C-alpha atoms as a PDB file:
ATOM      1  CA  UNK A   1       0.000   0.000   0.000  1.00  0.00           C
ATOM      2  CA  UNK A   2       1.396   3.426  -0.888  1.00  0.00           C
ATOM      3  CA  UNK A   3       2.483   5.798   1.873  1.00  0.00           C
ATOM      4  CA  UNK A   4       1.672   9.519   1.775  1.00  0.00           C
ATOM      5  CA  UNK A   5       4.000  12.035   3.407  1.00  0.00           C
ATOM      6  CA  UNK A   6       3.829  15.817   3.495  1.00  0.00           C
ATOM      7  CA  UNK A   7       6.599  18.341   2.892  1.00  0.00           C
ATOM      8  CA  UNK A   8       7.432  18.382   6.610  1.00  0.00           C
ATOM      9  CA  UNK A   9       8.186  14.626   6.314  1.00  0.00           C
ATOM     10  CA  UNK A  10       5.096  13.656   8.345  1.00  0.00           C
ATOM     11  CA  UNK A  11       2.756  10.837   7.401  1.00  0.00           C
ATOM     12  CA  UNK A  12      -0.467  12.256   6.007  1.00  0.00           C
ATOM     13  CA  UNK A  13      -3.957  10.976   5.287  1.00  0.00           C
ATOM     14  CA  UNK A  14      -4.646   9.334   1.943  1.00  0.00           C
ATOM     15  CA  UNK A  15      -7.601  10.020  -0.314  1.00  0.00           C
ATOM     16  CA  UNK A  16      -9.610   7.223  -1.928  1.00  0.00           C
ATOM     17  CA  UNK A  17      -8.878   6.706  -5.610  1.00  0.00           C
ATOM     18  CA  UNK A  18     -11.781   6.400  -8.007  1.00  0.00           C
ATOM     19  CA  UNK A  19     -11.176   3.175  -9.954  1.00  0.00           C
ATOM     20  CA  UNK A  20     -14.161   3.312 -12.298  1.00  0.00           C
ATOM     21  CA  UNK A  21     -16.872   2.308  -9.811  1.00  0.00           C
ATOM     22  CA  UNK A  22     -18.330   4.890  -7.448  1.00  0.00           C
ATOM     23  CA  UNK A  23     -20.337   2.227  -5.580  1.00  0.00           C
ATOM     24  CA  UNK A  24     -17.240   1.164  -3.644  1.00  0.00           C
ATOM     25  CA  UNK A  25     -16.559   4.653  -2.290  1.00  0.00           C
ATOM     26  CA  UNK A  26     -17.577   5.446   1.273  1.00  0.00           C
ATOM     27  CA  UNK A  27     -19.999   8.323   1.626  1.00  0.00           C
ATOM     28  CA  UNK A  28     -18.176  11.334   2.986  1.00  0.00           C
ATOM     29  CA  UNK A  29     -14.756  10.098   1.853  1.00  0.00           C
ATOM     30  CA  UNK A  30     -12.277  12.340   0.068  1.00  0.00           C
ATOM     31  CA  UNK A  31     -12.003  11.097  -3.529  1.00  0.00           C
ATOM     32  CA  UNK A  32      -9.165  11.479  -6.034  1.00  0.00           C
ATOM     33  CA  UNK A  33     -10.401  11.358  -9.641  1.00  0.00           C
ATOM     34  CA  UNK A  34      -8.634  11.338 -12.989  1.00  0.00           C
ATOM     35  CA  UNK A  35      -9.113  14.798 -14.498  1.00  0.00           C
ATOM     36  CA  UNK A  36     -11.091  13.330 -17.435  1.00  0.00           C
ATOM     37  CA  UNK A  37     -13.617  11.660 -15.112  1.00  0.00           C
ATOM     38  CA  UNK A  38     -14.136  14.939 -13.253  1.00  0.00           C
ATOM     39  CA  UNK A  39     -14.443  16.930 -16.505  1.00  0.00           C
ATOM     40  CA  UNK A  40     -17.070  14.549 -17.922  1.00  0.00           C
ATOM     41  CA  UNK A  41     -19.301  14.413 -14.828  1.00  0.00           C
ATOM     42  CA  UNK A  42     -18.450  17.488 -12.758  1.00  0.00           C
ATOM     43  CA  UNK A  43     -22.017  18.127 -11.594  1.00  0.00           C
ATOM     44  CA  UNK A  44     -22.258  14.624 -10.136  1.00  0.00           C
ATOM     45  CA  UNK A  45     -18.975  14.921  -8.242  1.00  0.00           C
ATOM     46  CA  UNK A  46     -19.495  18.528  -7.112  1.00  0.00           C
ATOM     47  CA  UNK A  47     -22.671  17.391  -5.342  1.00  0.00           C
ATOM     48  CA  UNK A  48     -20.759  14.670  -3.517  1.00  0.00           C
ATOM     49  CA  UNK A  49     -20.523  15.191   0.266  1.00  0.00           C
ATOM     50  CA  UNK A  50     -16.732  14.751   0.326  1.00  0.00           C
ATOM     51  CA  UNK A  51     -13.827  16.776  -0.966  1.00  0.00           C
ATOM     52  CA  UNK A  52     -12.805  16.097  -4.558  1.00  0.00           C
ATOM     53  CA  UNK A  53      -9.272  15.956  -5.902  1.00  0.00           C
ATOM     54  CA  UNK A  54      -8.171  15.597  -9.515  1.00  0.00           C
ATOM     55  CA  UNK A  55      -5.094  13.877 -10.891  1.00  0.00           C
ATOM     56  CA  UNK A  56      -3.261  15.249 -13.909  1.00  0.00           C
ATOM     57  CA  UNK A  57      -1.144  13.019 -16.141  1.00  0.00           C
ATOM     58  CA  UNK A  58       2.082  14.067 -17.859  1.00  0.00           C
ATOM     59  CA  UNK A  59       0.254  15.231 -21.005  1.00  0.00           C
ATOM     60  CA  UNK A  60      -2.638  17.045 -19.316  1.00  0.00           C
ATOM     61  CA  UNK A  61      -2.789  20.832 -19.479  1.00  0.00           C
ATOM     62  CA  UNK A  62      -2.949  22.152 -15.903  1.00  0.00           C
ATOM     63  CA  UNK A  63      -4.559  25.396 -17.089  1.00  0.00           C
ATOM     64  CA  UNK A  64      -7.790  23.505 -17.774  1.00  0.00           C
ATOM     65  CA  UNK A  65      -8.276  23.311 -13.984  1.00  0.00           C
ATOM     66  CA  UNK A  66      -8.648  27.096 -13.656  1.00  0.00           C
ATOM     67  CA  UNK A  67     -12.476  27.256 -13.671  1.00  0.00           C
ATOM     68  CA  UNK A  68     -12.726  24.410 -11.151  1.00  0.00           C
ATOM     69  CA  UNK A  69     -10.167  25.470  -8.547  1.00  0.00           C
ATOM     70  CA  UNK A  70     -12.700  26.572  -5.935  1.00  0.00           C
ATOM     71  CA  UNK A  71     -14.393  23.143  -6.069  1.00  0.00           C
ATOM     72  CA  UNK A  72     -11.179  21.142  -5.593  1.00  0.00           C
ATOM     73  CA  UNK A  73      -9.596  20.009  -2.346  1.00  0.00           C
ATOM     74  CA  UNK A  74      -6.441  18.475  -3.875  1.00  0.00           C
ATOM     75  CA  UNK A  75      -4.512  18.480  -7.131  1.00  0.00           C
ATOM     76  CA  UNK A  76      -2.336  15.458  -7.896  1.00  0.00           C
ATOM     77  CA  UNK A  77       0.239  15.089 -10.653  1.00  0.00           C
ATOM     78  CA  UNK A  78       1.109  11.597 -11.843  1.00  0.00           C
ATOM     79  CA  UNK A  79       4.660  10.647 -12.812  1.00  0.00           C
ATOM     80  CA  UNK A  80       4.564   7.702 -15.243  1.00  0.00           C
ATOM     81  CA  UNK A  81       8.311   7.068 -15.017  1.00  0.00           C
ATOM     82  CA  UNK A  82      11.072   8.398 -12.787  1.00  0.00           C
ATOM     83  CA  UNK A  83      12.819   9.677 -15.952  1.00  0.00           C
ATOM     84  CA  UNK A  84       9.823  11.808 -16.993  1.00  0.00           C
ATOM     85  CA  UNK A  85      10.288  15.353 -15.707  1.00  0.00           C
ATOM     86  CA  UNK A  86       7.061  16.852 -17.068  1.00  0.00           C
ATOM     87  CA  UNK A  87       5.368  16.495 -13.686  1.00  0.00           C
ATOM     88  CA  UNK A  88       7.903  18.881 -12.121  1.00  0.00           C
ATOM     89  CA  UNK A  89       6.869  21.546 -14.651  1.00  0.00           C
ATOM     90  CA  UNK A  90       3.173  20.848 -14.181  1.00  0.00           C
ATOM     91  CA  UNK A  91       3.541  21.241 -10.410  1.00  0.00           C
ATOM     92  CA  UNK A  92       5.333  24.558 -10.815  1.00  0.00           C
ATOM     93  CA  UNK A  93       2.641  25.812 -13.237  1.00  0.00           C
ATOM     94  CA  UNK A  94      -0.161  24.797 -10.858  1.00  0.00           C
ATOM     95  CA  UNK A  95       1.465  26.929  -8.136  1.00  0.00           C
ATOM     96  CA  UNK A  96       2.716  29.875 -10.188  1.00  0.00           C
ATOM     97  CA  UNK A  97       0.183  30.349 -12.984  1.00  0.00           C
ATOM     98  CA  UNK A  98      -2.961  28.991 -11.365  1.00  0.00           C
ATOM     99  CA  UNK A  99      -2.061  30.349  -7.939  1.00  0.00           C
ATOM    100  CA  UNK A 100      -3.103  27.068  -6.284  1.00  0.00           C
ATOM    101  CA  UNK A 101      -2.515  27.255  -2.524  1.00  0.00           C
ATOM    102  CA  UNK A 102      -4.089  23.920  -1.629  1.00  0.00           C
ATOM    103  CA  UNK A 103      -2.446  20.505  -1.369  1.00  0.00           C
ATOM    104  CA  UNK A 104      -0.366  19.429  -4.376  1.00  0.00           C
ATOM    105  CA  UNK A 105       0.400  15.695  -4.475  1.00  0.00           C
ATOM    106  CA  UNK A 106       3.067  13.924  -6.551  1.00  0.00           C
ATOM    107  CA  UNK A 107       2.007  10.347  -7.421  1.00  0.00           C
ATOM    108  CA  UNK A 108       3.297   7.495  -9.525  1.00  0.00           C
ATOM    109  CA  UNK A 109       6.862   6.361 -10.030  1.00  0.00           C
ATOM    110  CA  UNK A 110       8.932   8.474  -7.623  1.00  0.00           C
ATOM    111  CA  UNK A 111      12.417   7.930  -6.270  1.00  0.00           C
ATOM    112  CA  UNK A 112      13.253   9.114  -2.744  1.00  0.00           C
ATOM    113  CA  UNK A 113      15.934  11.512  -4.005  1.00  0.00           C
ATOM    114  CA  UNK A 114      13.364  13.263  -6.244  1.00  0.00           C
ATOM    115  CA  UNK A 115      11.210  14.299  -3.293  1.00  0.00           C
ATOM    116  CA  UNK A 116      13.272  17.346  -2.176  1.00  0.00           C
ATOM    117  CA  UNK A 117      13.233  18.695  -5.756  1.00  0.00           C
ATOM    118  CA  UNK A 118       9.495  18.045  -5.982  1.00  0.00           C
ATOM    119  CA  UNK A 119       9.088  20.119  -2.811  1.00  0.00           C
ATOM    120  CA  UNK A 120      11.123  22.904  -4.421  1.00  0.00           C
ATOM    121  CA  UNK A 121       8.670  22.837  -7.354  1.00  0.00           C
ATOM    122  CA  UNK A 122       5.699  23.374  -5.029  1.00  0.00           C
ATOM    123  CA  UNK A 123       4.595  19.839  -4.167  1.00  0.00           C
ATOM    124  CA  UNK A 124       3.658  19.392  -0.513  1.00  0.00           C
ATOM    125  CA  UNK A 125       2.387  15.785  -0.567  1.00  0.00           C
ATOM    126  CA  UNK A 126       4.127  12.696  -1.941  1.00  0.00           C
ATOM    127  CA  UNK A 127       2.719   9.241  -2.612  1.00  0.00           C
ATOM    128  CA  UNK A 128       5.523   6.723  -2.189  1.00  0.00           C
ATOM    129  CA  UNK A 129       5.512   3.030  -3.006  1.00  0.00           C
ATOM    130  CA  UNK A 130       6.318   1.592   0.431  1.00  0.00           C
ATOM    131  CA  UNK A 131       7.602   2.305   3.932  1.00  0.00           C
ATOM    132  CA  UNK A 132      11.294   2.030   3.034  1.00  0.00           C
ATOM    133  CA  UNK A 133      11.013   4.532   0.180  1.00  0.00           C
ATOM    134  CA  UNK A 134       8.976   6.834   2.442  1.00  0.00           C
ATOM    135  CA  UNK A 135      11.619   6.579   5.192  1.00  0.00           C
ATOM    136  CA  UNK A 136      14.393   7.519   2.745  1.00  0.00           C
ATOM    137  CA  UNK A 137      12.360  10.403   1.306  1.00  0.00           C
ATOM    138  CA  UNK A 138      11.539  11.726   4.794  1.00  0.00           C
ATOM    139  CA  UNK A 139      15.236  11.712   5.715  1.00  0.00           C
ATOM    140  CA  UNK A 140      16.186  13.526   2.501  1.00  0.00           C
ATOM    141  CA  UNK A 141      13.473  16.165   3.022  1.00  0.00           C
ATOM    142  CA  UNK A 142      14.680  16.891   6.532  1.00  0.00           C
ATOM    143  CA  UNK A 143      18.348  17.099   5.439  1.00  0.00           C
ATOM    144  CA  UNK A 144      17.791  19.340   2.394  1.00  0.00           C
ATOM    145  CA  UNK A 145      18.926  22.899   3.318  1.00  0.00           C
ATOM    146  CA  UNK A 146      17.072  24.551   0.423  1.00  0.00           C
ATOM    147  CA  UNK A 147      13.885  22.724   1.290  1.00  0.00           C
ATOM    148  CA  UNK A 148      14.241  23.871   4.907  1.00  0.00           C
ATOM    149  CA  UNK A 149      14.019  27.475   3.689  1.00  0.00           C
ATOM    150  CA  UNK A 150      11.103  26.698   1.391  1.00  0.00           C
ATOM    151  CA  UNK A 151       9.311  24.824   4.176  1.00  0.00           C
ATOM    152  CA  UNK A 152       9.420  28.021   6.198  1.00  0.00           C
ATOM    153  CA  UNK A 153       7.835  29.869   3.262  1.00  0.00           C
ATOM    154  CA  UNK A 154       4.666  27.729   3.167  1.00  0.00           C
ATOM    155  CA  UNK A 155       2.824  25.745   0.525  1.00  0.00           C
ATOM    156  CA  UNK A 156       2.987  28.439  -2.135  1.00  0.00           C
ATOM    157  CA  UNK A 157       6.699  27.903  -2.465  1.00  0.00           C
ATOM    158  CA  UNK A 158       7.482  31.574  -1.916  1.00  0.00           C
ATOM    159  CA  UNK A 159      10.963  31.947  -0.607  1.00  0.00           C
ATOM    160  CA  UNK A 160      13.573  34.494   0.275  1.00  0.00           C
ATOM    161  CA  UNK A 161      16.209  32.533  -1.623  1.00  0.00           C
ATOM    162  CA  UNK A 162      18.260  34.519  -4.143  1.00  0.00           C
ATOM    163  CA  UNK A 163      16.780  34.006  -7.587  1.00  0.00           C
ATOM    164  CA  UNK A 164      13.394  32.914  -6.267  1.00  0.00           C
ATOM    165  CA  UNK A 165      11.777  36.249  -7.053  1.00  0.00           C
ATOM    166  CA  UNK A 166      10.035  36.825 -10.360  1.00  0.00           C
ATOM    167  CA  UNK A 167      12.288  37.398 -13.335  1.00  0.00           C
ATOM    168  CA  UNK A 168       9.707  39.648 -14.960  1.00  0.00           C
ATOM    169  CA  UNK A 169      10.929  43.200 -15.456  1.00  0.00           C
ATOM    170  CA  UNK A 170       8.765  46.276 -15.368  1.00  0.00           C
ATOM    171  CA  UNK A 171       9.709  49.210 -17.632  1.00  0.00           C
ATOM    172  CA  UNK A 172      10.752  52.317 -15.720  1.00  0.00           C
ATOM    173  CA  UNK A 173       8.139  54.992 -15.469  1.00  0.00           C
END
């Protein structure tokens, strides 16, 4: 069974995954849906008594979530392979362009040494394959000096690190 940890290296509560059959879901449970399932039947899920999360794949456009942000309790980004870096970019876009301040979960094929970099990209939840991988990731999160500064900045990833400010320039008056 996968283990979820947060960016402070604490164990955190898991959401139920929708696997194609809503009958098996407990009423009042928090449910994580593929973005396509949510898009096709939003009205049904928005009326659900629990919080709803959506999971983006490596080819999904995160900007499509914009009109639904207020209805979501979690955004997850799936990594299909540990060599596929698109999820890092998607996570950063969810934080910077969409302004998402809620939980951002990295799922799929993750290595423990990727977790500190995921945290630097704005992820604050990590789904890891087993207890040993979670233990290694927790240790790396706690030892990462850059992540320690980001952790103090909160879930939005805002930091006082040099170079973390916007690179956008404003023409002088």
